[in-house]
Amino acid sequence: MDYVISFIVGGGICALVQILMEKTKLMPGRIMVLLVCSGAVLSFFGLYEPFVEFAGAGASVPLTGFGHLLMKGVKEAVDEKGLLGLFRGGFESCAVGVSAALIFSYFASLFAKSKIRK
């Protein structure tokens, strides 16, 4: 049943984003920033953690989950290190994901050719 709930919630988030892309003139980069910031704001108010507990990967895999992960790391670091944690917490909590994205995108760039026309 967990897989079904995750699939429905994750698919619902993706469907809402697709509707946002189709019906507005927002560029994809701005929509991505909107998703990360909305996840961080919902996490700040304590609303995203129960959502992640309910939906599992359906809520933690989309970009809103990345914003939640950043805010969760900042909260923990501020509690431990004070104001300095405000700057360190986000980097510490998401370093593995960002590193993996950079490494895999580099390897993809070795095998793919750009289609930029001059």
C-alpha atoms as a PDB file:
ATOM      1  CA  MET A   1       0.000   0.000   0.000  1.00  0.00           C
ATOM      2  CA  ASP A   2       2.961   2.318   0.642  1.00  0.00           C
ATOM      3  CA  TYR A   3       3.935   2.102  -3.026  1.00  0.00           C
ATOM      4  CA  VAL A   4       0.447   3.079  -4.139  1.00  0.00           C
ATOM      5  CA  ILE A   5       0.323   6.103  -1.841  1.00  0.00           C
ATOM      6  CA  SER A   6       3.805   7.202  -2.943  1.00  0.00           C
ATOM      7  CA  PHE A   7       2.862   6.788  -6.591  1.00  0.00           C
ATOM      8  CA  ILE A   8      -0.370   8.763  -6.235  1.00  0.00           C
ATOM      9  CA  VAL A   9       1.202  11.612  -4.237  1.00  0.00           C
ATOM     10  CA  GLY A  10       4.302  11.884  -6.445  1.00  0.00           C
ATOM     11  CA  GLY A  11       2.178  11.676  -9.576  1.00  0.00           C
ATOM     12  CA  GLY A  12      -0.142  14.332  -8.186  1.00  0.00           C
ATOM     13  CA  ILE A  13       2.762  16.703  -7.555  1.00  0.00           C
ATOM     14  CA  CYS A  14       4.078  16.084 -11.065  1.00  0.00           C
ATOM     15  CA  ALA A  15       0.606  16.571 -12.562  1.00  0.00           C
ATOM     16  CA  LEU A  16       0.203  19.895 -10.742  1.00  0.00           C
ATOM     17  CA  VAL A  17       3.582  21.037 -12.010  1.00  0.00           C
ATOM     18  CA  GLN A  18       2.678  19.987 -15.548  1.00  0.00           C
ATOM     19  CA  ILE A  19      -0.545  21.990 -15.348  1.00  0.00           C
ATOM     20  CA  LEU A  20       1.467  24.955 -14.065  1.00  0.00           C
ATOM     21  CA  MET A  21       3.842  24.627 -17.030  1.00  0.00           C
ATOM     22  CA  GLU A  22       1.019  24.360 -19.559  1.00  0.00           C
ATOM     23  CA  LYS A  23      -1.285  27.093 -18.240  1.00  0.00           C
ATOM     24  CA  THR A  24       1.201  29.788 -17.208  1.00  0.00           C
ATOM     25  CA  LYS A  25       4.063  31.544 -18.905  1.00  0.00           C
ATOM     26  CA  LEU A  26       6.523  30.592 -16.162  1.00  0.00           C
ATOM     27  CA  MET A  27       9.814  29.222 -17.413  1.00  0.00           C
ATOM     28  CA  PRO A  28      10.862  25.761 -16.176  1.00  0.00           C
ATOM     29  CA  GLY A  29      13.733  27.176 -14.105  1.00  0.00           C
ATOM     30  CA  ARG A  30      11.375  29.448 -12.209  1.00  0.00           C
ATOM     31  CA  ILE A  31       8.985  26.576 -11.586  1.00  0.00           C
ATOM     32  CA  MET A  32      11.874  24.530 -10.185  1.00  0.00           C
ATOM     33  CA  VAL A  33      12.835  27.370  -7.844  1.00  0.00           C
ATOM     34  CA  LEU A  34       9.181  27.719  -6.832  1.00  0.00           C
ATOM     35  CA  LEU A  35       9.041  24.018  -5.941  1.00  0.00           C
ATOM     36  CA  VAL A  36      12.241  24.084  -3.864  1.00  0.00           C
ATOM     37  CA  CYS A  37      11.181  27.255  -2.049  1.00  0.00           C
ATOM     38  CA  SER A  38       7.668  25.959  -1.374  1.00  0.00           C
ATOM     39  CA  GLY A  39       9.129  22.763   0.098  1.00  0.00           C
ATOM     40  CA  ALA A  40      11.420  24.834   2.325  1.00  0.00           C
ATOM     41  CA  VAL A  41       8.587  27.116   3.466  1.00  0.00           C
ATOM     42  CA  LEU A  42       6.278  24.187   4.216  1.00  0.00           C
ATOM     43  CA  SER A  43       9.114  22.536   6.146  1.00  0.00           C
ATOM     44  CA  PHE A  44       9.749  25.740   8.088  1.00  0.00           C
ATOM     45  CA  PHE A  45       6.138  25.755   9.292  1.00  0.00           C
ATOM     46  CA  GLY A  46       6.299  22.037  10.150  1.00  0.00           C
ATOM     47  CA  LEU A  47       3.819  20.959   7.472  1.00  0.00           C
ATOM     48  CA  TYR A  48       6.086  18.968   5.164  1.00  0.00           C
ATOM     49  CA  GLU A  49       7.451  16.395   7.640  1.00  0.00           C
ATOM     50  CA  PRO A  50       4.020  14.806   8.298  1.00  0.00           C
ATOM     51  CA  PHE A  51       3.445  14.844   4.541  1.00  0.00           C
ATOM     52  CA  VAL A  52       6.723  12.933   4.010  1.00  0.00           C
ATOM     53  CA  GLU A  53       5.787  10.445   6.729  1.00  0.00           C
ATOM     54  CA  PHE A  54       2.459   9.820   4.988  1.00  0.00           C
ATOM     55  CA  ALA A  55       3.611   9.744   1.362  1.00  0.00           C
ATOM     56  CA  GLY A  56       7.211   8.523   1.696  1.00  0.00           C
ATOM     57  CA  ALA A  57       9.150   8.794  -1.553  1.00  0.00           C
ATOM     58  CA  GLY A  58       6.167  10.399  -3.276  1.00  0.00           C
ATOM     59  CA  ALA A  59       6.835  13.525  -1.230  1.00  0.00           C
ATOM     60  CA  SER A  60      10.593  13.327  -0.705  1.00  0.00           C
ATOM     61  CA  VAL A  61      11.730  12.659  -4.289  1.00  0.00           C
ATOM     62  CA  PRO A  62      10.229  15.699  -6.098  1.00  0.00           C
ATOM     63  CA  LEU A  63      11.904  19.088  -5.825  1.00  0.00           C
ATOM     64  CA  THR A  64       9.677  20.066  -2.925  1.00  0.00           C
ATOM     65  CA  GLY A  65      11.431  17.296  -1.000  1.00  0.00           C
ATOM     66  CA  PHE A  66      14.791  18.872  -1.814  1.00  0.00           C
ATOM     67  CA  GLY A  67      13.616  22.156  -0.287  1.00  0.00           C
ATOM     68  CA  HIS A  68      12.434  20.220   2.767  1.00  0.00           C
ATOM     69  CA  LEU A  69      15.827  18.507   3.044  1.00  0.00           C
ATOM     70  CA  LEU A  70      17.626  21.868   2.879  1.00  0.00           C
ATOM     71  CA  MET A  71      15.431  23.393   5.569  1.00  0.00           C
ATOM     72  CA  LYS A  72      15.712  20.314   7.773  1.00  0.00           C
ATOM     73  CA  GLY A  73      19.514  20.520   7.598  1.00  0.00           C
ATOM     74  CA  VAL A  74      19.475  24.239   8.378  1.00  0.00           C
ATOM     75  CA  LYS A  75      17.212  23.714  11.408  1.00  0.00           C
ATOM     76  CA  GLU A  76      19.444  20.977  12.824  1.00  0.00           C
ATOM     77  CA  ALA A  77      22.651  22.943  12.212  1.00  0.00           C
ATOM     78  CA  VAL A  78      21.253  26.118  13.788  1.00  0.00           C
ATOM     79  CA  ASP A  79      20.252  24.122  16.870  1.00  0.00           C
ATOM     80  CA  GLU A  80      23.785  22.672  17.127  1.00  0.00           C
ATOM     81  CA  LYS A  81      26.057  25.498  15.955  1.00  0.00           C
ATOM     82  CA  GLY A  82      23.996  28.668  16.286  1.00  0.00           C
ATOM     83  CA  LEU A  83      24.010  31.289  13.554  1.00  0.00           C
ATOM     84  CA  LEU A  84      26.872  29.620  11.680  1.00  0.00           C
ATOM     85  CA  GLY A  85      24.579  26.638  11.120  1.00  0.00           C
ATOM     86  CA  LEU A  86      22.396  28.847   8.963  1.00  0.00           C
ATOM     87  CA  PHE A  87      25.100  28.771   6.309  1.00  0.00           C
ATOM     88  CA  ARG A  88      26.391  25.211   6.823  1.00  0.00           C
ATOM     89  CA  GLY A  89      23.250  23.174   7.416  1.00  0.00           C
ATOM     90  CA  GLY A  90      21.853  23.118   3.896  1.00  0.00           C
ATOM     91  CA  PHE A  91      25.174  22.111   2.398  1.00  0.00           C
ATOM     92  CA  GLU A  92      25.749  19.320   4.889  1.00  0.00           C
ATOM     93  CA  SER A  93      22.294  17.815   4.490  1.00  0.00           C
ATOM     94  CA  CYS A  94      22.213  17.653   0.701  1.00  0.00           C
ATOM     95  CA  ALA A  95      25.874  17.236  -0.212  1.00  0.00           C
ATOM     96  CA  VAL A  96      25.532  13.618  -1.358  1.00  0.00           C
ATOM     97  CA  GLY A  97      22.601  14.350  -3.668  1.00  0.00           C
ATOM     98  CA  VAL A  98      24.215  17.393  -5.234  1.00  0.00           C
ATOM     99  CA  SER A  99      27.522  15.561  -5.661  1.00  0.00           C
ATOM    100  CA  ALA A 100      25.799  12.628  -7.359  1.00  0.00           C
ATOM    101  CA  ALA A 101      23.952  14.981  -9.706  1.00  0.00           C
ATOM    102  CA  LEU A 102      27.193  16.705 -10.675  1.00  0.00           C
ATOM    103  CA  ILE A 103      29.095  13.459 -11.216  1.00  0.00           C
ATOM    104  CA  PHE A 104      26.366  11.785 -13.279  1.00  0.00           C
ATOM    105  CA  SER A 105      25.773  14.897 -15.373  1.00  0.00           C
ATOM    106  CA  TYR A 106      29.504  15.080 -16.093  1.00  0.00           C
ATOM    107  CA  PHE A 107      29.535  11.460 -17.280  1.00  0.00           C
ATOM    108  CA  ALA A 108      26.445  12.115 -19.392  1.00  0.00           C
ATOM    109  CA  SER A 109      28.204  15.072 -21.012  1.00  0.00           C
ATOM    110  CA  LEU A 110      31.064  12.795 -22.057  1.00  0.00           C
ATOM    111  CA  PHE A 111      28.757  10.540 -24.059  1.00  0.00           C
ATOM    112  CA  ALA A 112      26.167  13.013 -25.364  1.00  0.00           C
ATOM    113  CA  LYS A 113      26.671  15.707 -27.978  1.00  0.00           C
ATOM    114  CA  SER A 114      25.219  19.155 -27.635  1.00  0.00           C
ATOM    115  CA  LYS A 115      22.615  20.189 -30.189  1.00  0.00           C
ATOM    116  CA  ILE A 116      23.383  23.893 -29.996  1.00  0.00           C
ATOM    117  CA  ARG A 117      23.314  25.414 -33.456  1.00  0.00           C
ATOM    118  CA  LYS A 118      25.457  28.346 -34.429  1.00  0.00           C
END
